[in-house]
Amino acid sequence: MILPIIAYGDPVLRRKATDITKAYPKLKELLVNMWETMYNANGVGLAAPQIGLPIRVFLVDTTPFSEDEDLSDEEQKALNGFKKVFINAKIEEESGEDWPFNEGCLSIPDIREDVNRKDTIKITYLDESFKSHTETYNGLLARVIQHEYDHIEGILFTDKLSSLKKRLLKNRLDKISKGKINIDYKMRFPNIKKAR
């Protein structure tokens, strides 16, 4: 089932999400719905807070990036078919160089900005079978994971911009929260004025 994506301005996007256990109700169904919602919106990642659930669950599928001609063959190979669920994730370490990349977010449609992030991450997480993993990722894989991880920490990519950039975007962000935007996927807006 395709779920509405929560728009910028909703308090759920600012909450630090909580861990879940194997007993979390209808987790399999939730994951199926999250994949369907993400693909419907042409996303490469989706975190539970973006569908209104303050839990530490996100998923990524970087396959669309694998067709980027500017990437090396090695990077394209790493991105192609990389599809994972991350539960109760914890980034243990961020290292390497800071590098800029133009990011967008399904909760903040029509805004894309260059964001600096570290090149390499080490992350511990549970998969959908609650098996534990500790893995290291770099480049674009690391970035997509960092972006989704930020969502479960209550952080948005716009938080990482300069204060000048944030001021310049303020009106556009306000419009998004009020639903004054054209999008081709279902969204829920926090500040939409209810008709009387």
Protein backbone atom coordinates (compact mmCIF):
# COMPACT_ATOMS: atom_id res chain seq x y z
CA MET A 1 0.00 0.00 0.00
CA ILE A 2 1.34 3.41 -0.97
CA LEU A 3 1.49 5.65 2.10
CA PRO A 4 1.54 9.46 2.14
CA ILE A 5 4.99 10.95 2.68
CA ILE A 6 5.18 13.43 5.54
CA ALA A 7 6.15 16.93 4.38
CA TYR A 8 8.69 19.31 5.85
CA GLY A 9 7.41 21.05 8.99
CA ASP A 10 5.83 18.00 10.63
CA PRO A 11 7.22 17.44 14.18
CA VAL A 12 7.68 13.68 13.50
CA LEU A 13 10.59 14.58 11.19
CA ARG A 14 12.32 16.27 14.14
CA ARG A 15 11.98 13.46 16.68
CA LYS A 16 14.84 11.13 17.47
CA ALA A 17 13.33 7.77 16.56
CA THR A 18 13.21 4.79 18.94
CA ASP A 19 14.53 1.24 18.51
CA ILE A 20 12.09 -1.55 17.76
CA THR A 21 12.06 -5.25 18.67
CA LYS A 22 11.21 -8.35 16.65
CA ALA A 23 7.72 -8.11 18.15
CA TYR A 24 6.98 -4.82 16.36
CA PRO A 25 3.44 -5.28 14.97
CA LYS A 26 3.15 -6.00 11.22
CA LEU A 27 6.80 -5.18 10.48
CA LYS A 28 6.87 -7.25 7.25
CA GLU A 29 3.78 -5.44 6.00
CA LEU A 30 5.29 -2.09 6.98
CA LEU A 31 8.48 -2.82 5.00
CA VAL A 32 6.47 -3.87 1.92
CA ASN A 33 4.49 -0.61 2.17
CA MET A 34 7.68 1.43 2.61
CA TRP A 35 9.30 -0.09 -0.50
CA GLU A 36 6.12 0.51 -2.50
CA THR A 37 5.87 4.12 -1.24
CA MET A 38 9.54 4.82 -2.02
CA TYR A 39 9.40 3.38 -5.56
CA ASN A 40 6.13 5.21 -6.28
CA ALA A 41 7.88 8.51 -5.43
CA ASN A 42 11.05 7.57 -7.38
CA GLY A 43 13.15 7.68 -4.22
CA VAL A 44 16.39 5.84 -3.42
CA GLY A 45 15.74 5.79 0.32
CA LEU A 46 12.90 6.14 2.80
CA ALA A 47 12.91 6.35 6.60
CA ALA A 48 9.98 5.45 8.87
CA PRO A 49 9.62 9.05 10.19
CA GLN A 50 8.86 10.08 6.59
CA ILE A 51 5.65 8.03 6.79
CA GLY A 52 4.86 9.30 10.28
CA LEU A 53 6.46 6.55 12.41
CA PRO A 54 9.17 7.65 14.88
CA ILE A 55 10.98 4.27 14.76
CA ARG A 56 14.55 3.44 13.75
CA VAL A 57 13.83 1.82 10.39
CA PHE A 58 14.96 2.93 6.94
CA LEU A 59 15.56 1.32 3.60
CA VAL A 60 17.66 2.14 0.55
CA ASP A 61 17.88 1.00 -3.05
CA THR A 62 20.67 2.82 -4.89
CA THR A 63 20.13 1.05 -8.24
CA PRO A 64 18.95 4.27 -10.01
CA PHE A 65 22.35 5.88 -9.27
CA SER A 66 24.16 2.98 -10.95
CA GLU A 67 23.29 4.41 -14.36
CA ASP A 68 25.15 7.69 -13.67
CA GLU A 69 27.78 8.04 -16.43
CA ASP A 70 29.96 10.27 -14.21
CA LEU A 71 30.66 7.42 -11.79
CA SER A 72 33.45 4.89 -12.14
CA ASP A 73 32.59 1.33 -13.22
CA GLU A 74 33.43 0.21 -9.68
CA GLU A 75 30.99 2.70 -8.14
CA GLN A 76 28.27 1.81 -10.65
CA LYS A 77 28.71 -1.87 -9.79
CA ALA A 78 28.51 -1.17 -6.03
CA LEU A 79 25.31 0.88 -6.45
CA ASN A 80 23.56 -1.52 -8.83
CA GLY A 81 21.17 -3.79 -6.93
CA PHE A 82 22.20 -2.42 -3.50
CA LYS A 83 18.90 -2.85 -1.67
CA LYS A 84 18.80 -3.07 2.12
CA VAL A 85 16.66 -2.59 5.20
CA PHE A 86 18.34 -0.98 8.23
CA ILE A 87 16.73 -1.50 11.65
CA ASN A 88 18.01 0.13 14.89
CA ALA A 89 21.01 1.43 12.94
CA LYS A 90 23.91 3.19 14.66
CA ILE A 91 26.68 4.92 12.73
CA GLU A 92 29.80 3.97 14.70
CA GLU A 93 32.23 6.13 12.77
CA GLU A 94 32.39 8.70 9.96
CA SER A 95 35.77 9.23 8.36
CA GLY A 96 37.58 10.39 5.23
CA GLU A 97 37.23 13.63 3.33
CA ASP A 98 34.21 15.91 3.39
CA TRP A 99 32.71 16.04 -0.10
CA PRO A 100 29.73 17.91 -1.55
CA PHE A 101 26.90 16.23 -3.42
CA ASN A 102 23.55 17.59 -4.57
CA GLU A 103 20.88 16.05 -2.30
CA GLY A 104 17.12 16.08 -2.34
CA CYS A 105 14.49 14.52 -0.08
CA LEU A 106 11.00 13.10 -0.65
CA SER A 107 9.77 15.11 2.38
CA ILE A 108 11.19 18.33 0.87
CA PRO A 109 10.20 18.11 -2.80
CA ASP A 110 11.66 20.47 -5.42
CA ILE A 111 14.58 21.58 -3.24
CA ARG A 112 18.05 20.25 -4.00
CA GLU A 113 21.25 21.57 -2.44
CA ASP A 114 24.90 20.60 -2.15
CA VAL A 115 25.55 18.94 1.21
CA ASN A 116 28.97 18.09 2.65
CA ARG A 117 29.36 14.67 4.24
CA LYS A 118 32.24 12.41 5.21
CA ASP A 119 33.23 9.89 2.55
CA THR A 120 33.21 6.71 4.69
CA ILE A 121 30.95 5.30 7.40
CA LYS A 122 30.96 2.27 9.66
CA ILE A 123 27.43 1.26 10.62
CA THR A 124 25.89 -1.40 12.86
CA TYR A 125 22.31 -2.42 12.13
CA LEU A 126 19.80 -5.28 12.08
CA ASP A 127 18.36 -6.58 8.82
CA GLU A 128 14.68 -7.50 8.40
CA SER A 129 15.40 -10.91 9.99
CA PHE A 130 16.93 -9.10 13.00
CA LYS A 131 20.39 -10.45 12.15
CA SER A 132 23.12 -8.03 13.26
CA HIS A 133 25.65 -6.55 10.80
CA THR A 134 28.57 -4.13 11.08
CA GLU A 135 29.63 -2.83 7.67
CA THR A 136 31.71 -0.08 6.11
CA TYR A 137 30.49 1.93 3.13
CA ASN A 138 31.97 4.79 1.16
CA GLY A 139 31.11 7.23 -1.61
CA LEU A 140 27.53 7.48 -2.77
CA LEU A 141 26.44 4.36 -0.82
CA ALA A 142 27.65 5.98 2.40
CA ARG A 143 25.90 9.23 1.50
CA VAL A 144 22.48 7.66 0.84
CA ILE A 145 22.75 5.75 4.14
CA GLN A 146 23.85 8.91 6.02
CA HIS A 147 20.90 10.85 4.59
CA GLU A 148 18.39 8.19 5.69
CA TYR A 149 20.17 7.71 9.04
CA ASP A 150 19.78 11.45 9.69
CA HIS A 151 15.99 10.99 9.39
CA ILE A 152 15.94 8.56 12.34
CA GLU A 153 18.02 11.10 14.30
CA GLY A 154 15.50 13.90 13.57
CA ILE A 155 17.87 15.67 11.15
CA LEU A 156 17.06 16.91 7.63
CA PHE A 157 19.56 17.67 4.87
CA THR A 158 18.56 21.35 5.02
CA ASP A 159 19.97 21.46 8.58
CA LYS A 160 23.43 20.97 7.10
CA LEU A 161 23.25 24.11 4.94
CA SER A 162 24.75 27.50 5.78
CA SER A 163 22.56 29.95 7.70
CA LEU A 164 22.43 32.18 4.59
CA LYS A 165 21.22 29.26 2.45
CA LYS A 166 18.61 28.37 5.09
CA ARG A 167 17.30 31.97 5.09
CA LEU A 168 17.10 31.91 1.28
CA LEU A 169 15.09 28.66 1.37
CA LYS A 170 12.74 29.66 4.22
CA ASN A 171 9.80 30.79 2.02
CA ARG A 172 10.03 27.70 -0.20
CA LEU A 173 10.12 25.43 2.87
CA ASP A 174 7.09 27.23 4.35
CA LYS A 175 5.20 26.67 1.08
CA ILE A 176 6.01 22.94 1.20
CA SER A 177 4.69 22.65 4.77
CA LYS A 178 1.45 24.36 3.64
CA GLY A 179 1.04 22.02 0.65
CA LYS A 180 1.60 24.82 -1.89
CA ILE A 181 3.56 22.57 -4.23
CA ASN A 182 2.92 20.32 -7.22
CA ILE A 183 4.04 16.74 -6.69
CA ASP A 184 3.15 13.46 -8.30
CA TYR A 185 3.07 11.31 -5.14
CA LYS A 186 0.88 11.25 -2.02
CA MET A 187 1.97 13.62 0.74
CA ARG A 188 0.66 14.79 4.10
CA PHE A 189 1.25 18.45 4.92
CA PRO A 190 1.48 19.69 8.53
CA ASN A 191 0.37 23.30 7.97
CA ILE A 192 -2.34 22.94 5.35
CA LYS A 193 -5.25 25.25 6.13
CA LYS A 194 -8.42 23.24 6.68
CA ALA A 195 -11.43 24.50 4.72
CA ARG A 196 -14.28 25.58 7.01
